[in-house]
Amino acid sequence: MTLHGLYAITDSQLLADDRLLPWVEAALAGGTRLLQYRDKSGDAARRRDEAGQLKALCVQYGADLLINDDLPLASALNVGVHLGRDDGCLREARQQLGAQAIVGATCHASLDHAEQAIADGASYIAFGRFFQSVTKPGAPAATPALLQQARARFDTPIVAIGGITLDNASPLLAAGADLLAVIHGLFGADSAAEVQRRAQAFNELFEN
């Protein structure tokens, strides 16, 4: 499985008011091949329902769905999972979901943590934040130089995340990122058509 390209991550505030499904479908139509369902609310029934509908869309478009920080839900839907540094055990996720599942790990700006995540079975290692982020405000922690170091040290696919837009993405690709994880830069749009346009534009960056 080649992990490469635009990695869309949902946001429950950006995608409120019935925008979730149509805007995610627009992102998939624009070429998104990896989608993470990220919803920190406590409404388990709604989260399971939404995740199930997103899985159906991903199947339709040939994309892969991951669930953010919820191994039981990922296991129930037979999809992948992304785990933050304090949000569960990568080894347990790999064991539970099987060898073929995509299991992602947040590594912030730590090469040592990335090395441990790979040893524990991570399919990709995610570094960030690279720019000011709407989702997680605060000072950027990661740099393109870190990506270059990771690229020289690891064969595992590398994800860059945090405040990424069409205007600032290219240096991250040049430094070695395989995937760009985008939230606001993709879904912070005023229409589904604009989401699709942005997705296509992000994917064109990988072709150049």
Protein backbone atom coordinates (compact mmCIF):
# COMPACT_ATOMS: atom_id res chain seq x y z
CA MET A 1 0.00 0.00 0.00
CA THR A 2 1.47 3.34 -1.05
CA LEU A 3 0.70 6.18 1.34
CA HIS A 4 1.09 9.35 -0.66
CA GLY A 5 -0.86 12.54 -1.38
CA LEU A 6 -3.49 14.60 0.38
CA TYR A 7 -4.61 13.36 3.80
CA ALA A 8 -7.91 15.03 4.75
CA ILE A 9 -8.91 15.32 8.41
CA THR A 10 -12.44 16.21 9.43
CA ASP A 11 -13.30 18.86 12.00
CA SER A 12 -16.68 18.79 13.75
CA GLN A 13 -16.95 22.61 13.88
CA LEU A 14 -15.88 23.28 10.29
CA LEU A 15 -18.16 20.51 9.06
CA ALA A 16 -21.22 21.23 11.21
CA ASP A 17 -24.71 21.94 9.83
CA ASP A 18 -24.86 18.91 7.53
CA ARG A 19 -21.63 19.79 5.74
CA LEU A 20 -19.74 16.64 6.81
CA LEU A 21 -20.84 14.21 4.09
CA PRO A 22 -21.10 16.54 1.07
CA TRP A 23 -17.82 18.32 1.83
CA VAL A 24 -15.96 15.07 2.51
CA GLU A 25 -17.35 13.69 -0.75
CA ALA A 26 -16.06 16.81 -2.52
CA ALA A 27 -12.61 16.21 -1.03
CA LEU A 28 -12.70 12.58 -2.18
CA ALA A 29 -13.86 13.63 -5.64
CA GLY A 30 -10.86 15.99 -5.70
CA GLY A 31 -8.49 13.08 -5.20
CA THR A 32 -8.16 12.60 -1.45
CA ARG A 33 -7.09 9.00 -0.81
CA LEU A 34 -6.75 9.08 2.97
CA LEU A 35 -9.42 10.46 5.31
CA GLN A 36 -9.31 10.74 9.09
CA TYR A 37 -12.55 11.11 11.03
CA ARG A 38 -11.75 13.37 13.97
CA ASP A 39 -14.54 14.14 16.41
CA LYS A 40 -13.79 14.67 20.11
CA SER A 41 -17.43 14.82 21.21
CA GLY A 42 -18.92 12.32 23.61
CA ASP A 43 -21.87 11.34 21.39
CA ALA A 44 -20.81 7.77 20.64
CA ALA A 45 -23.93 6.85 18.66
CA ARG A 46 -23.61 9.83 16.33
CA ARG A 47 -19.89 9.27 15.90
CA ARG A 48 -20.44 5.65 14.95
CA ASP A 49 -23.18 6.63 12.49
CA GLU A 50 -21.07 9.35 10.87
CA ALA A 51 -18.00 7.13 10.69
CA GLY A 52 -20.04 4.40 9.03
CA GLN A 53 -21.31 6.83 6.40
CA LEU A 54 -17.78 8.12 5.80
CA LYS A 55 -16.54 4.56 5.34
CA ALA A 56 -19.17 4.00 2.65
CA LEU A 57 -18.03 7.16 0.86
CA CYS A 58 -14.38 6.09 1.08
CA VAL A 59 -15.22 2.69 -0.39
CA GLN A 60 -17.07 4.42 -3.23
CA TYR A 61 -14.04 6.59 -4.04
CA GLY A 62 -11.31 4.02 -3.39
CA ALA A 63 -9.99 5.85 -0.33
CA ASP A 64 -9.01 4.65 3.14
CA LEU A 65 -10.70 5.80 6.35
CA LEU A 66 -8.96 6.17 9.69
CA ILE A 67 -10.54 7.00 13.04
CA ASN A 68 -8.83 9.49 15.33
CA ASP A 69 -8.00 8.13 18.79
CA ASP A 70 -10.79 5.54 18.98
CA LEU A 71 -9.51 2.00 18.54
CA PRO A 72 -12.83 0.29 19.47
CA LEU A 73 -14.68 2.25 16.75
CA ALA A 74 -11.94 1.58 14.18
CA SER A 75 -12.06 -2.11 15.05
CA ALA A 76 -15.87 -2.23 14.83
CA LEU A 77 -15.80 -0.66 11.35
CA ASN A 78 -12.70 -2.58 10.22
CA VAL A 79 -10.82 0.60 9.29
CA GLY A 80 -7.53 2.18 10.34
CA VAL A 81 -6.74 4.34 13.36
CA HIS A 82 -4.58 7.36 14.16
CA LEU A 83 -3.28 7.61 17.71
CA GLY A 84 -1.89 10.66 19.47
CA ARG A 85 1.03 10.23 21.81
CA ASP A 86 -1.22 9.78 24.86
CA ASP A 87 -4.24 8.23 23.18
CA GLY A 88 -3.62 4.51 23.17
CA CYS A 89 -1.10 1.81 22.44
CA LEU A 90 0.22 1.40 18.89
CA ARG A 91 1.17 -2.22 19.52
CA GLU A 92 -2.33 -2.99 20.74
CA ALA A 93 -3.85 -1.23 17.71
CA ARG A 94 -1.66 -3.18 15.30
CA GLN A 95 -2.49 -6.44 17.05
CA GLN A 96 -6.23 -5.72 17.08
CA LEU A 97 -6.60 -4.34 13.55
CA GLY A 98 -4.24 -6.72 11.79
CA ALA A 99 -1.21 -6.43 9.55
CA GLN A 100 -3.00 -4.74 6.64
CA ALA A 101 -4.61 -1.89 8.59
CA ILE A 102 -3.28 1.66 8.46
CA VAL A 103 -2.13 2.67 11.94
CA GLY A 104 -0.81 6.22 12.25
CA ALA A 105 1.16 7.86 15.03
CA THR A 106 1.58 11.46 16.15
CA CYS A 107 5.28 12.18 16.71
CA HIS A 108 5.17 16.00 17.13
CA ALA A 109 8.80 16.98 16.48
CA SER A 110 10.55 13.94 17.95
CA LEU A 111 12.62 11.60 15.78
CA ASP A 112 13.06 9.30 18.77
CA HIS A 113 9.31 9.01 19.20
CA ALA A 114 9.00 8.28 15.48
CA GLU A 115 11.55 5.49 15.80
CA GLN A 116 9.59 3.97 18.68
CA ALA A 117 6.31 4.31 16.77
CA ILE A 118 7.78 2.45 13.80
CA ALA A 119 9.02 -0.30 16.12
CA ASP A 120 5.50 -0.53 17.58
CA GLY A 121 3.96 -1.04 14.12
CA ALA A 122 3.05 2.42 12.80
CA SER A 123 2.18 2.62 9.08
CA TYR A 124 3.19 6.27 8.97
CA ILE A 125 4.77 8.85 11.27
CA ALA A 126 3.17 12.28 11.55
CA PHE A 127 5.21 15.37 12.40
CA GLY A 128 3.92 18.84 13.24
CA ARG A 129 2.85 21.48 13.83
CA PHE A 130 4.64 23.26 10.96
CA PHE A 131 2.64 26.50 10.85
CA GLN A 132 0.14 28.35 13.01
CA SER A 133 -2.83 26.00 13.27
CA VAL A 134 -6.49 26.87 13.72
CA THR A 135 -7.27 23.41 15.13
CA LYS A 136 -4.43 23.37 17.66
CA PRO A 137 -3.22 26.94 18.30
CA GLY A 138 0.27 27.54 19.56
CA ALA A 139 3.78 28.05 18.31
CA PRO A 140 4.95 25.81 15.46
CA ALA A 141 7.13 22.99 16.72
CA ALA A 142 8.40 21.27 13.58
CA THR A 143 10.55 22.47 10.67
CA PRO A 144 11.36 21.32 7.14
CA ALA A 145 14.82 20.41 8.46
CA LEU A 146 13.16 17.88 10.76
CA LEU A 147 11.46 16.31 7.74
CA GLN A 148 14.80 16.05 5.97
CA GLN A 149 16.30 14.31 8.99
CA ALA A 150 13.33 11.93 9.21
CA ARG A 151 13.53 11.19 5.49
CA ALA A 152 17.23 10.31 5.79
CA ARG A 153 16.61 8.10 8.82
CA PHE A 154 13.32 6.29 8.08
CA ASP A 155 11.73 4.44 5.15
CA THR A 156 8.26 4.74 6.73
CA PRO A 157 5.84 7.22 5.06
CA ILE A 158 6.02 10.69 6.60
CA VAL A 159 3.00 12.93 7.24
CA ALA A 160 3.28 16.69 7.77
CA ILE A 161 0.47 18.39 9.69
CA GLY A 162 -0.37 21.76 11.21
CA GLY A 163 -1.56 24.90 9.48
CA ILE A 164 -0.79 23.61 5.98
CA THR A 165 -2.29 25.53 3.06
CA LEU A 166 -1.80 25.55 -0.69
CA ASP A 167 0.54 28.52 -0.24
CA ASN A 168 2.95 26.94 2.24
CA ALA A 169 2.85 23.23 1.36
CA SER A 170 5.56 22.97 -1.30
CA PRO A 171 8.61 23.29 1.02
CA LEU A 172 7.27 20.40 3.12
CA LEU A 173 7.07 18.16 0.06
CA ALA A 174 10.54 19.23 -1.00
CA ALA A 175 11.83 18.32 2.47
CA GLY A 176 10.47 14.78 2.24
CA ALA A 177 6.82 14.64 3.32
CA ASP A 178 4.85 11.85 1.62
CA LEU A 179 1.46 13.09 2.80
CA LEU A 180 0.06 16.48 3.74
CA ALA A 181 -2.55 16.28 6.50
CA VAL A 182 -4.91 19.21 6.04
CA ILE A 183 -7.94 20.35 8.01
CA HIS A 184 -8.70 24.08 7.76
CA GLY A 185 -6.71 24.55 4.55
CA LEU A 186 -9.09 22.10 2.88
CA PHE A 187 -12.42 22.31 4.70
CA GLY A 188 -12.27 25.98 5.75
CA ALA A 189 -14.05 26.82 2.49
CA ASP A 190 -17.40 28.37 1.67
CA SER A 191 -18.69 25.61 -0.60
CA ALA A 192 -18.26 21.94 -1.47
CA ALA A 193 -17.07 23.03 -4.93
CA GLU A 194 -14.24 25.01 -3.32
CA VAL A 195 -13.29 21.99 -1.19
CA GLN A 196 -13.02 19.88 -4.34
CA ARG A 197 -10.95 22.59 -6.07
CA ARG A 198 -8.56 22.77 -3.13
CA ALA A 199 -8.23 18.97 -2.99
CA GLN A 200 -7.36 18.87 -6.69
CA ALA A 201 -4.85 21.70 -6.23
CA PHE A 202 -3.17 19.94 -3.30
CA ASN A 203 -2.86 16.73 -5.32
CA GLU A 204 -1.34 18.64 -8.22
CA LEU A 205 1.47 19.70 -5.85
CA PHE A 206 2.46 16.03 -5.56
CA GLU A 207 2.61 15.66 -9.32
CA ASN A 208 4.96 18.60 -9.86
